[in-house]
């Protein structure tokens, strides 16, 4: 009798626990985008080269991604979320202290360790929200996803503005002094993050996420059914790798676009601290625009999308997003003020293209493998994000070429020598930011093509 009452209480508190976990996702994703938003400013303060900016974003992707499947396996094995909360705390402490970095090495260490903490949070949290959602799994995960997108928007837009507010004297910034104080003020975000981590621990540490009868269901599958389900999961994984790669490439390209835009509008010959803050604000709005597209698209699909249309969404949306990304060079050539707003609109639509279906992929993968919810959550998020480091690094090479790098491995140049002369010239000398946007669009289009392989009947059957 007592056990039955406990189960009833647990079920009645499920929406509250889910709400707290979703709120924690908002907070952790505010922190996850702080470094991205202020990257133009950090580049000026620490004299970072373009390849160092790309490498920093790549390190964040690798460190955040590689830890997620590990955390997911541990969570499934021990039915525990404690490691996710610990990662949350680690992220808050590291990202909140980015301002103390004195050079690229210190910045890379803080950013990378913070990214690992952010990565550790996501698989347990996504699995718990899916479990607490029950029959409303897709909607709960979409809301979870939306909360992260809103957190990203706040982190991207508010952080550069906050740094400017906390900088003592705008004139001092013009003269190359004072901006450091604004960066150090990000520490004020830390107490908020620690309080959110405490509430998260109280909400989910006693909430199991294993599905009832999931293992019995797995045992009822024959070899063909198992193969079909795992095949579908790996197709989703491959598509998400390409989606996140396009996402990361755009994150780098928008930092470069913002710097070029500010320089062109100001007529200055080089960046200074004042222009660095302005470029961070422009960059923040572009990064936030992607988050708007991802969030609005994700919550819309989570609430209205039926299983029979899921495959079509996976195929069509990346194609539409690719068209928008490919249009950015043409929009840039317009009047600067009009062009900026048009690029923001393209950024929103590109976010829909690569991001709106990500929560759908998360929900579908959990339906396909209900006995491995944390594992597939880790694969769809961190496992895919881990390989997206190729996005910013590839975009930077397309933009600036290999010839600008102080050290290029010999085997890389050996591969380049086998390419046609026209491609060799482009890779060595660089093809500019417009070509980098075009290549990113092609990657996203391929992500849509890959999902043609998804077994439609199995997708519909898993919803039942």
Protein backbone atom coordinates (compact mmCIF):
# COMPACT_ATOMS: atom_id res chain seq x y z
CA UNK A 1 0.00 0.00 0.00
CA UNK A 2 2.79 2.40 0.95
CA UNK A 3 4.66 1.57 -2.27
CA UNK A 4 1.53 2.32 -4.29
CA UNK A 5 1.17 5.71 -2.61
CA UNK A 6 4.81 6.51 -3.33
CA UNK A 7 4.31 5.65 -7.00
CA UNK A 8 1.21 7.87 -7.14
CA UNK A 9 3.12 10.76 -5.58
CA UNK A 10 5.97 10.26 -8.03
CA UNK A 11 3.58 10.39 -10.99
CA UNK A 12 1.79 13.48 -9.65
CA UNK A 13 5.10 15.29 -9.27
CA UNK A 14 6.30 14.33 -12.75
CA UNK A 15 5.27 17.62 -14.43
CA UNK A 16 7.00 19.62 -11.68
CA UNK A 17 10.18 17.58 -11.98
CA UNK A 18 10.11 17.95 -15.74
CA UNK A 19 9.57 21.71 -15.40
CA UNK A 20 12.59 22.06 -13.11
CA UNK A 21 14.76 20.02 -15.48
CA UNK A 22 13.58 22.11 -18.42
CA UNK A 23 14.36 25.28 -16.46
CA UNK A 24 17.83 23.97 -15.72
CA UNK A 25 18.33 23.42 -19.45
CA UNK A 26 17.56 27.09 -20.02
CA UNK A 27 20.22 28.12 -17.49
CA UNK A 28 22.93 25.73 -18.72
CA UNK A 29 22.45 26.85 -22.32
CA UNK A 30 22.80 30.49 -21.29
CA UNK A 31 26.27 29.50 -20.10
CA UNK A 32 26.96 27.37 -23.18
CA UNK A 33 26.68 30.40 -25.50
CA UNK A 34 28.50 33.00 -23.40
CA UNK A 35 31.85 32.14 -24.95
CA UNK A 36 30.41 32.17 -28.48
CA UNK A 37 28.75 35.55 -28.00
CA UNK A 38 31.84 37.34 -26.70
CA UNK A 39 34.30 35.62 -29.05
CA UNK A 40 34.88 38.75 -31.20
CA UNK A 41 35.67 40.67 -28.02
CA UNK A 42 37.99 37.93 -26.73
CA UNK A 43 39.70 37.86 -30.13
CA UNK A 44 40.59 41.55 -29.75
CA UNK A 45 41.61 41.29 -26.09
CA UNK A 46 43.80 38.19 -26.54
CA UNK A 47 44.87 38.90 -30.15
CA UNK A 48 43.41 35.64 -31.48
CA UNK A 49 43.96 34.57 -35.08
CA UNK A 50 41.01 33.28 -37.17
CA UNK A 51 42.23 29.68 -36.92
CA UNK A 52 42.41 30.01 -33.13
CA UNK A 53 38.78 31.14 -33.03
CA UNK A 54 37.80 28.18 -35.18
CA UNK A 55 39.89 25.84 -33.01
CA UNK A 56 38.24 27.16 -29.84
CA UNK A 57 34.77 26.42 -31.21
CA UNK A 58 35.98 23.00 -32.38
CA UNK A 59 37.37 22.18 -28.93
CA UNK A 60 34.04 23.08 -27.40
CA UNK A 61 32.23 20.72 -29.77
CA UNK A 62 34.65 17.83 -29.20
CA UNK A 63 34.75 18.18 -25.42
CA UNK A 64 31.00 18.62 -25.08
CA UNK A 65 30.30 15.77 -27.48
CA UNK A 66 32.81 13.15 -26.41
CA UNK A 67 31.64 13.18 -22.80
CA UNK A 68 27.95 12.66 -23.63
CA UNK A 69 27.97 9.01 -24.77
CA UNK A 70 30.15 8.17 -21.76
CA UNK A 71 27.77 9.90 -19.38
CA UNK A 72 24.83 8.25 -21.16
CA UNK A 73 26.28 4.76 -20.70
CA UNK A 74 26.96 5.41 -17.02
CA UNK A 75 23.44 6.81 -16.55
CA UNK A 76 21.83 3.77 -18.20
CA UNK A 77 24.07 1.37 -16.29
CA UNK A 78 23.47 2.83 -12.83
CA UNK A 79 20.13 4.59 -13.40
CA UNK A 80 21.65 7.80 -12.00
CA UNK A 81 21.72 11.46 -12.99
CA UNK A 82 24.26 12.69 -10.44
CA UNK A 83 27.01 13.06 -13.03
CA UNK A 84 24.78 15.41 -15.03
CA UNK A 85 24.35 17.74 -12.08
CA UNK A 86 28.08 17.64 -11.35
CA UNK A 87 28.74 18.63 -14.96
CA UNK A 88 26.29 21.51 -14.60
CA UNK A 89 28.28 22.90 -11.64
CA UNK A 90 31.59 22.48 -13.47
CA UNK A 91 30.25 24.36 -16.50
CA UNK A 92 28.99 27.25 -14.39
CA UNK A 93 32.34 27.69 -12.67
CA UNK A 94 34.48 27.49 -15.82
CA UNK A 95 32.36 29.55 -18.20
CA UNK A 96 31.71 32.16 -15.54
CA UNK A 97 35.46 32.70 -15.25
CA UNK A 98 36.35 33.08 -18.95
CA UNK A 99 37.32 36.68 -18.25
CA UNK A 100 40.39 35.66 -16.24
CA UNK A 101 42.09 34.09 -19.30
CA UNK A 102 45.36 35.83 -20.18
CA UNK A 103 46.08 34.02 -23.45
CA UNK A 104 44.63 31.49 -25.88
CA UNK A 105 45.83 28.46 -23.88
CA UNK A 106 44.08 29.53 -20.67
CA UNK A 107 40.94 30.45 -22.60
CA UNK A 108 40.93 27.08 -24.38
CA UNK A 109 41.27 25.17 -21.08
CA UNK A 110 38.42 27.05 -19.38
CA UNK A 111 36.17 26.83 -22.43
CA UNK A 112 36.88 23.13 -23.05
CA UNK A 113 36.34 22.01 -19.44
CA UNK A 114 33.17 24.11 -19.28
CA UNK A 115 31.96 22.48 -22.50
CA UNK A 116 32.52 19.03 -20.96
CA UNK A 117 30.33 20.04 -18.04
CA UNK A 118 27.61 21.28 -20.37
CA UNK A 119 27.81 18.04 -22.32
CA UNK A 120 27.51 15.93 -19.17
CA UNK A 121 24.20 17.60 -18.32
CA UNK A 122 22.33 16.86 -21.53
CA UNK A 123 21.88 13.05 -21.87
CA UNK A 124 20.53 12.40 -18.35
CA UNK A 125 18.33 15.49 -18.48
CA UNK A 126 16.89 14.66 -21.91
CA UNK A 127 16.24 11.04 -20.88
CA UNK A 128 14.48 12.10 -17.67
CA UNK A 129 12.26 14.61 -19.47
CA UNK A 130 11.32 12.00 -22.07
CA UNK A 131 10.43 9.50 -19.36
CA UNK A 132 8.43 12.02 -17.33
CA UNK A 133 6.55 13.03 -20.49
CA UNK A 134 5.01 9.58 -20.91
CA UNK A 135 2.61 9.62 -23.84
CA UNK A 136 3.51 13.30 -24.40
CA UNK A 137 7.19 12.48 -24.88
CA UNK A 138 7.62 14.45 -28.12
CA UNK A 139 6.00 17.56 -26.68
CA UNK A 140 8.03 17.40 -23.43
CA UNK A 141 11.29 16.96 -25.35
CA UNK A 142 10.35 19.79 -27.69
CA UNK A 143 9.75 22.08 -24.69
CA UNK A 144 13.07 20.90 -23.23
CA UNK A 145 14.73 21.76 -26.55
CA UNK A 146 12.95 25.13 -26.72
CA UNK A 147 14.14 26.06 -23.24
CA UNK A 148 17.72 25.45 -24.38
CA UNK A 149 17.18 27.59 -27.45
CA UNK A 150 15.77 30.44 -25.35
CA UNK A 151 18.77 30.08 -23.05
CA UNK A 152 21.04 30.34 -26.07
CA UNK A 153 19.23 33.46 -27.24
CA UNK A 154 19.60 35.09 -23.83
CA UNK A 155 23.26 34.10 -23.61
CA UNK A 156 24.01 35.44 -27.08
CA UNK A 157 22.13 38.73 -26.84
CA UNK A 158 22.42 39.62 -23.15
CA UNK A 159 26.06 38.72 -22.50
CA UNK A 160 27.73 41.29 -24.81
CA UNK A 161 25.29 43.94 -23.57
CA UNK A 162 26.02 43.02 -19.95
CA UNK A 163 29.78 43.24 -20.57
CA UNK A 164 29.32 46.72 -22.04
CA UNK A 165 27.21 47.81 -19.05
CA UNK A 166 29.84 46.53 -16.63
CA UNK A 167 32.73 48.19 -18.47
CA UNK A 168 33.60 51.35 -16.53
CA UNK A 169 34.23 53.82 -19.33
CA UNK A 170 33.48 53.62 -23.04
CA UNK A 171 36.17 56.20 -23.74
CA UNK A 172 38.69 54.04 -21.91
CA UNK A 173 37.75 51.17 -24.20
CA UNK A 174 38.47 53.36 -27.21
CA UNK A 175 41.97 53.79 -25.81
CA UNK A 176 42.43 50.05 -25.23
CA UNK A 177 41.64 49.87 -21.51
CA UNK A 178 38.74 48.86 -19.29
CA UNK A 179 37.08 46.07 -21.31
CA UNK A 180 38.69 43.44 -19.06
CA UNK A 181 36.51 44.57 -16.16
CA UNK A 182 33.40 43.91 -18.20
CA UNK A 183 34.54 40.37 -19.01
CA UNK A 184 35.32 39.65 -15.36
CA UNK A 185 31.79 40.76 -14.42
CA UNK A 186 30.43 37.58 -16.03
CA UNK A 187 31.24 35.97 -12.65
CA UNK A 188 27.95 37.45 -11.41
CA UNK A 189 26.21 34.71 -13.43
CA UNK A 190 27.77 31.97 -11.28
CA UNK A 191 25.43 32.17 -8.22
CA UNK A 192 22.39 31.88 -10.51
CA UNK A 193 23.86 28.77 -12.09
CA UNK A 194 24.65 27.13 -8.76
CA UNK A 195 21.10 27.70 -7.46
CA UNK A 196 19.71 26.12 -10.65
CA UNK A 197 22.00 23.11 -10.15
CA UNK A 198 20.69 22.67 -6.60
CA UNK A 199 17.07 22.65 -7.77
CA UNK A 200 17.98 20.21 -10.53
CA UNK A 201 19.50 17.79 -8.02
CA UNK A 202 16.39 17.97 -5.84
CA UNK A 203 14.12 17.34 -8.82
CA UNK A 204 15.68 14.39 -10.63
CA UNK A 205 18.13 12.47 -8.46
CA UNK A 206 15.38 10.18 -7.13
CA UNK A 207 13.51 9.92 -10.42
CA UNK A 208 14.21 6.79 -12.44
CA UNK A 209 14.27 7.01 -16.22
CA UNK A 210 14.12 3.38 -17.28
CA UNK A 211 10.97 2.46 -19.16
CA UNK A 212 8.70 -0.15 -17.64
CA UNK A 213 8.87 -3.42 -19.63
CA UNK A 214 11.45 -1.92 -22.03
CA UNK A 215 13.77 -4.91 -21.75
CA UNK A 216 10.88 -7.34 -22.18
CA UNK A 217 9.90 -5.44 -25.32
CA UNK A 218 13.47 -5.70 -26.60
CA UNK A 219 13.49 -9.47 -26.05
CA UNK A 220 10.36 -9.80 -28.18
CA UNK A 221 12.13 -8.34 -31.25
CA UNK A 222 13.51 -10.72 -33.85
CA UNK A 223 16.87 -10.08 -35.52
CA UNK A 224 15.29 -8.18 -38.42
CA UNK A 225 13.43 -5.86 -36.06
CA UNK A 226 16.59 -5.18 -34.05
CA UNK A 227 18.57 -4.44 -37.19
CA UNK A 228 15.88 -2.09 -38.52
CA UNK A 229 15.69 -0.12 -35.29
CA UNK A 230 19.46 0.24 -34.90
CA UNK A 231 19.81 1.10 -38.59
CA UNK A 232 17.26 3.90 -38.22
CA UNK A 233 19.08 5.23 -35.15
CA UNK A 234 22.41 5.32 -37.02
CA UNK A 235 20.79 7.12 -39.97
CA UNK A 236 19.44 9.71 -37.55
CA UNK A 237 22.88 9.96 -35.99
CA UNK A 238 24.61 10.54 -39.35
CA UNK A 239 22.08 13.22 -40.23
CA UNK A 240 22.55 14.95 -36.88
CA UNK A 241 26.33 14.92 -37.34
CA UNK A 242 25.90 16.84 -40.59
CA UNK A 243 23.29 19.17 -39.06
CA UNK A 244 25.52 20.05 -36.12
CA UNK A 245 28.52 20.44 -38.44
CA UNK A 246 26.58 23.04 -40.43
CA UNK A 247 25.50 24.67 -37.16
CA UNK A 248 29.09 24.92 -35.89
CA UNK A 249 30.34 26.23 -39.22
CA UNK A 250 27.74 28.99 -39.08
CA UNK A 251 28.71 29.84 -35.50
CA UNK A 252 32.26 30.53 -36.72
CA UNK A 253 31.20 32.26 -39.93
CA UNK A 254 28.87 34.66 -38.13
CA UNK A 255 31.71 35.78 -35.84
CA UNK A 256 33.75 36.54 -38.97
CA UNK A 257 30.81 38.16 -40.76
CA UNK A 258 30.11 40.40 -37.76
CA UNK A 259 33.74 41.59 -37.62
CA UNK A 260 33.78 42.32 -41.36
CA UNK A 261 30.43 44.11 -41.13
CA UNK A 262 31.56 46.37 -38.27
CA UNK A 263 34.86 47.19 -39.98
CA UNK A 264 33.10 48.03 -43.25
CA UNK A 265 30.50 50.23 -41.55
CA UNK A 266 33.04 52.08 -39.40
CA UNK A 267 35.62 52.52 -42.13
CA UNK A 268 38.36 51.50 -39.68
CA UNK A 269 41.45 49.66 -40.85
CA UNK A 270 41.56 47.18 -37.95
CA UNK A 271 39.60 46.06 -34.91
CA UNK A 272 39.93 47.71 -31.50
CA UNK A 273 38.22 47.04 -28.16
CA UNK A 274 35.29 49.33 -28.95
CA UNK A 275 34.66 47.67 -32.31
CA UNK A 276 35.18 44.28 -30.66
CA UNK A 277 32.24 44.92 -28.33
CA UNK A 278 30.13 46.15 -31.26
CA UNK A 279 31.05 43.07 -33.32
CA UNK A 280 30.13 40.85 -30.36
CA UNK A 281 26.71 42.49 -30.20
CA UNK A 282 26.13 41.95 -33.94
CA UNK A 283 27.41 38.39 -33.64
CA UNK A 284 25.17 37.78 -30.64
CA UNK A 285 22.05 38.79 -32.57
CA UNK A 286 22.99 36.48 -35.47
CA UNK A 287 23.69 33.54 -33.13
CA UNK A 288 20.43 34.25 -31.32
CA UNK A 289 18.57 34.34 -34.64
CA UNK A 290 19.66 30.75 -35.29
CA UNK A 291 18.39 29.83 -31.82
CA UNK A 292 15.02 31.44 -32.58
CA UNK A 293 14.65 29.32 -35.69
CA UNK A 294 15.70 26.16 -33.89
CA UNK A 295 13.43 26.82 -30.90
CA UNK A 296 10.29 27.93 -32.68
CA UNK A 297 10.64 25.20 -35.28
CA UNK A 298 11.36 22.56 -32.65
CA UNK A 299 8.41 23.36 -30.39
CA UNK A 300 6.06 23.61 -33.38
CA UNK A 301 7.05 20.18 -34.68
CA UNK A 302 6.95 18.70 -31.18
CA UNK A 303 3.36 19.82 -30.70
CA UNK A 304 1.82 19.11 -34.10
CA UNK A 305 3.99 16.63 -36.00
CA UNK A 306 2.48 13.19 -36.54
CA UNK A 307 4.74 10.16 -36.91
CA UNK A 308 3.72 9.60 -40.53
CA UNK A 309 5.23 12.98 -41.48
CA UNK A 310 8.49 12.68 -39.54
CA UNK A 311 10.56 11.30 -42.40
CA UNK A 312 9.37 14.07 -44.74
CA UNK A 313 10.44 16.71 -42.21
CA UNK A 314 13.91 15.17 -41.88
CA UNK A 315 14.34 15.36 -45.66
CA UNK A 316 12.72 18.70 -46.55
CA UNK A 317 13.77 21.11 -43.79
CA UNK A 318 17.55 20.80 -44.35
CA UNK A 319 17.04 21.53 -48.06
CA UNK A 320 15.18 24.74 -47.24
CA UNK A 321 17.82 25.74 -44.71
CA UNK A 322 20.58 25.11 -47.26
CA UNK A 323 18.94 27.52 -49.71
CA UNK A 324 18.83 30.25 -47.04
CA UNK A 325 22.51 29.78 -46.13
CA UNK A 326 23.53 29.86 -49.79
CA UNK A 327 21.71 33.21 -50.15
CA UNK A 328 23.75 34.96 -47.41
CA UNK A 329 26.59 36.13 -49.73
CA UNK A 330 24.02 37.79 -52.01
CA UNK A 331 22.29 39.43 -49.03
CA UNK A 332 25.64 40.73 -47.78
CA UNK A 333 26.15 42.59 -51.05
CA UNK A 334 23.02 44.68 -50.39
CA UNK A 335 22.92 48.00 -48.54
CA UNK A 336 24.71 47.33 -45.18
CA UNK A 337 21.77 48.15 -42.90
CA UNK A 338 19.19 46.29 -45.01
CA UNK A 339 21.63 43.44 -45.58
CA UNK A 340 22.18 42.96 -41.86
CA UNK A 341 18.46 42.44 -41.23
CA UNK A 342 18.16 40.14 -44.23
CA UNK A 343 21.07 38.05 -42.97
CA UNK A 344 19.33 37.83 -39.59
CA UNK A 345 16.23 36.51 -41.35
CA UNK A 346 18.32 33.96 -43.23
CA UNK A 347 19.89 32.96 -39.92
CA UNK A 348 16.45 32.28 -38.42
CA UNK A 349 15.45 30.11 -41.38
CA UNK A 350 18.78 28.28 -41.36
CA UNK A 351 18.11 27.47 -37.68
CA UNK A 352 14.81 25.91 -38.71
CA UNK A 353 16.62 23.95 -41.41
CA UNK A 354 19.27 22.31 -39.27
CA UNK A 355 17.73 22.50 -35.80
CA UNK A 356 13.96 22.16 -35.79
CA UNK A 357 14.02 18.39 -36.35
CA UNK A 358 16.69 17.67 -33.70
CA UNK A 359 14.15 17.16 -30.85
CA UNK A 360 12.14 14.97 -33.23
CA UNK A 361 15.26 12.85 -33.81
CA UNK A 362 15.74 12.62 -30.05
CA UNK A 363 12.16 11.53 -29.40
CA UNK A 364 12.17 9.08 -32.32
CA UNK A 365 15.44 7.46 -31.26
CA UNK A 366 14.09 6.98 -27.73
CA UNK A 367 10.98 5.33 -29.20
CA UNK A 368 13.10 3.05 -31.36
CA UNK A 369 15.32 1.91 -28.47
CA UNK A 370 13.29 2.37 -25.27
CA UNK A 371 15.79 0.32 -23.24
CA UNK A 372 18.65 2.70 -24.15
CA UNK A 373 17.11 6.14 -23.69
CA UNK A 374 20.21 7.80 -22.22
CA UNK A 375 22.49 6.15 -24.76
CA UNK A 376 20.51 7.30 -27.78
CA UNK A 377 20.05 10.74 -26.20
CA UNK A 378 23.83 10.92 -25.88
CA UNK A 379 24.28 9.79 -29.49
CA UNK A 380 21.77 12.22 -30.97
CA UNK A 381 23.15 15.16 -28.99
CA UNK A 382 26.75 14.79 -27.83
CA UNK A 383 27.77 11.91 -30.05
CA UNK A 384 26.77 13.94 -33.10
CA UNK A 385 28.04 17.23 -31.65
CA UNK A 386 31.46 15.67 -31.01
CA UNK A 387 32.18 15.34 -34.74
CA UNK A 388 30.85 18.80 -35.59
CA UNK A 389 34.28 20.26 -34.78
CA UNK A 390 34.90 19.80 -38.51
CA UNK A 391 32.42 22.63 -39.15
CA UNK A 392 34.34 25.68 -37.88
CA UNK A 393 37.74 24.27 -38.83
CA UNK A 394 36.58 23.39 -42.34
CA UNK A 395 34.85 26.73 -42.80
CA UNK A 396 38.00 28.58 -41.71
CA UNK A 397 40.13 26.62 -44.19
CA UNK A 398 37.71 27.33 -47.03
CA UNK A 399 37.68 31.00 -46.06
CA UNK A 400 41.40 31.63 -45.47
CA UNK A 401 43.22 28.62 -46.94
CA UNK A 402 46.02 26.45 -45.62
CA UNK A 403 48.71 28.89 -46.70
CA UNK A 404 47.98 31.17 -43.74
CA UNK A 405 48.67 28.45 -41.16
CA UNK A 406 52.07 28.38 -39.43
CA UNK A 407 52.09 24.56 -39.22
CA UNK A 408 50.23 22.26 -41.60
CA UNK A 409 50.78 18.46 -41.29
CA UNK A 410 52.67 17.01 -44.25
CA UNK A 411 50.03 14.39 -45.01
CA UNK A 412 47.44 17.16 -45.44
CA UNK A 413 49.53 18.89 -48.09
CA UNK A 414 50.18 15.50 -49.72
CA UNK A 415 46.41 15.00 -50.07
CA UNK A 416 46.00 18.53 -51.45
CA UNK A 417 48.63 17.85 -54.11
CA UNK A 418 46.45 15.06 -55.54
CA UNK A 419 43.51 17.43 -56.09
CA UNK A 420 42.86 19.35 -59.35
CA UNK A 421 44.87 22.55 -59.73
CA UNK A 422 41.83 24.80 -59.26
CA UNK A 423 40.95 23.11 -55.94
CA UNK A 424 44.57 23.21 -54.81
CA UNK A 425 44.70 26.97 -55.32
CA UNK A 426 41.47 27.45 -53.40
CA UNK A 427 42.56 25.34 -50.43
CA UNK A 428 46.01 26.91 -50.21
CA UNK A 429 45.06 30.53 -50.78
CA UNK A 430 41.51 30.50 -49.43
CA UNK A 431 38.24 31.17 -51.24
CA UNK A 432 36.71 33.76 -48.93
CA UNK A 433 33.75 33.84 -46.56
CA UNK A 434 31.16 33.63 -49.37
CA UNK A 435 32.52 30.25 -50.50
CA UNK A 436 32.52 29.05 -46.88
CA UNK A 437 28.79 29.84 -46.60
CA UNK A 438 28.16 27.92 -49.85
CA UNK A 439 30.05 24.82 -48.67
CA UNK A 440 28.10 24.93 -45.38
CA UNK A 441 24.85 24.97 -47.35
CA UNK A 442 25.96 21.86 -49.28
CA UNK A 443 26.72 20.01 -46.03
CA UNK A 444 23.22 20.76 -44.71
CA UNK A 445 21.61 19.61 -47.97
CA UNK A 446 23.47 16.28 -47.67
CA UNK A 447 22.02 15.90 -44.17
CA UNK A 448 18.56 15.91 -45.70
CA UNK A 449 19.53 13.42 -48.39
CA UNK A 450 20.83 10.93 -45.81
CA UNK A 451 17.44 10.67 -44.09
CA UNK A 452 15.83 9.32 -47.26
CA UNK A 453 17.15 5.97 -45.95
CA UNK A 454 14.88 6.07 -42.86
CA UNK A 455 12.33 3.19 -42.81
CA UNK A 456 9.00 5.00 -42.86
CA UNK A 457 6.84 2.06 -41.71
CA UNK A 458 9.06 1.42 -38.68
CA UNK A 459 8.87 5.09 -37.68
CA UNK A 460 5.07 4.99 -37.72
CA UNK A 461 4.97 1.63 -35.92
CA UNK A 462 7.27 2.85 -33.13
CA UNK A 463 4.78 5.60 -32.31
CA UNK A 464 2.22 2.96 -31.39
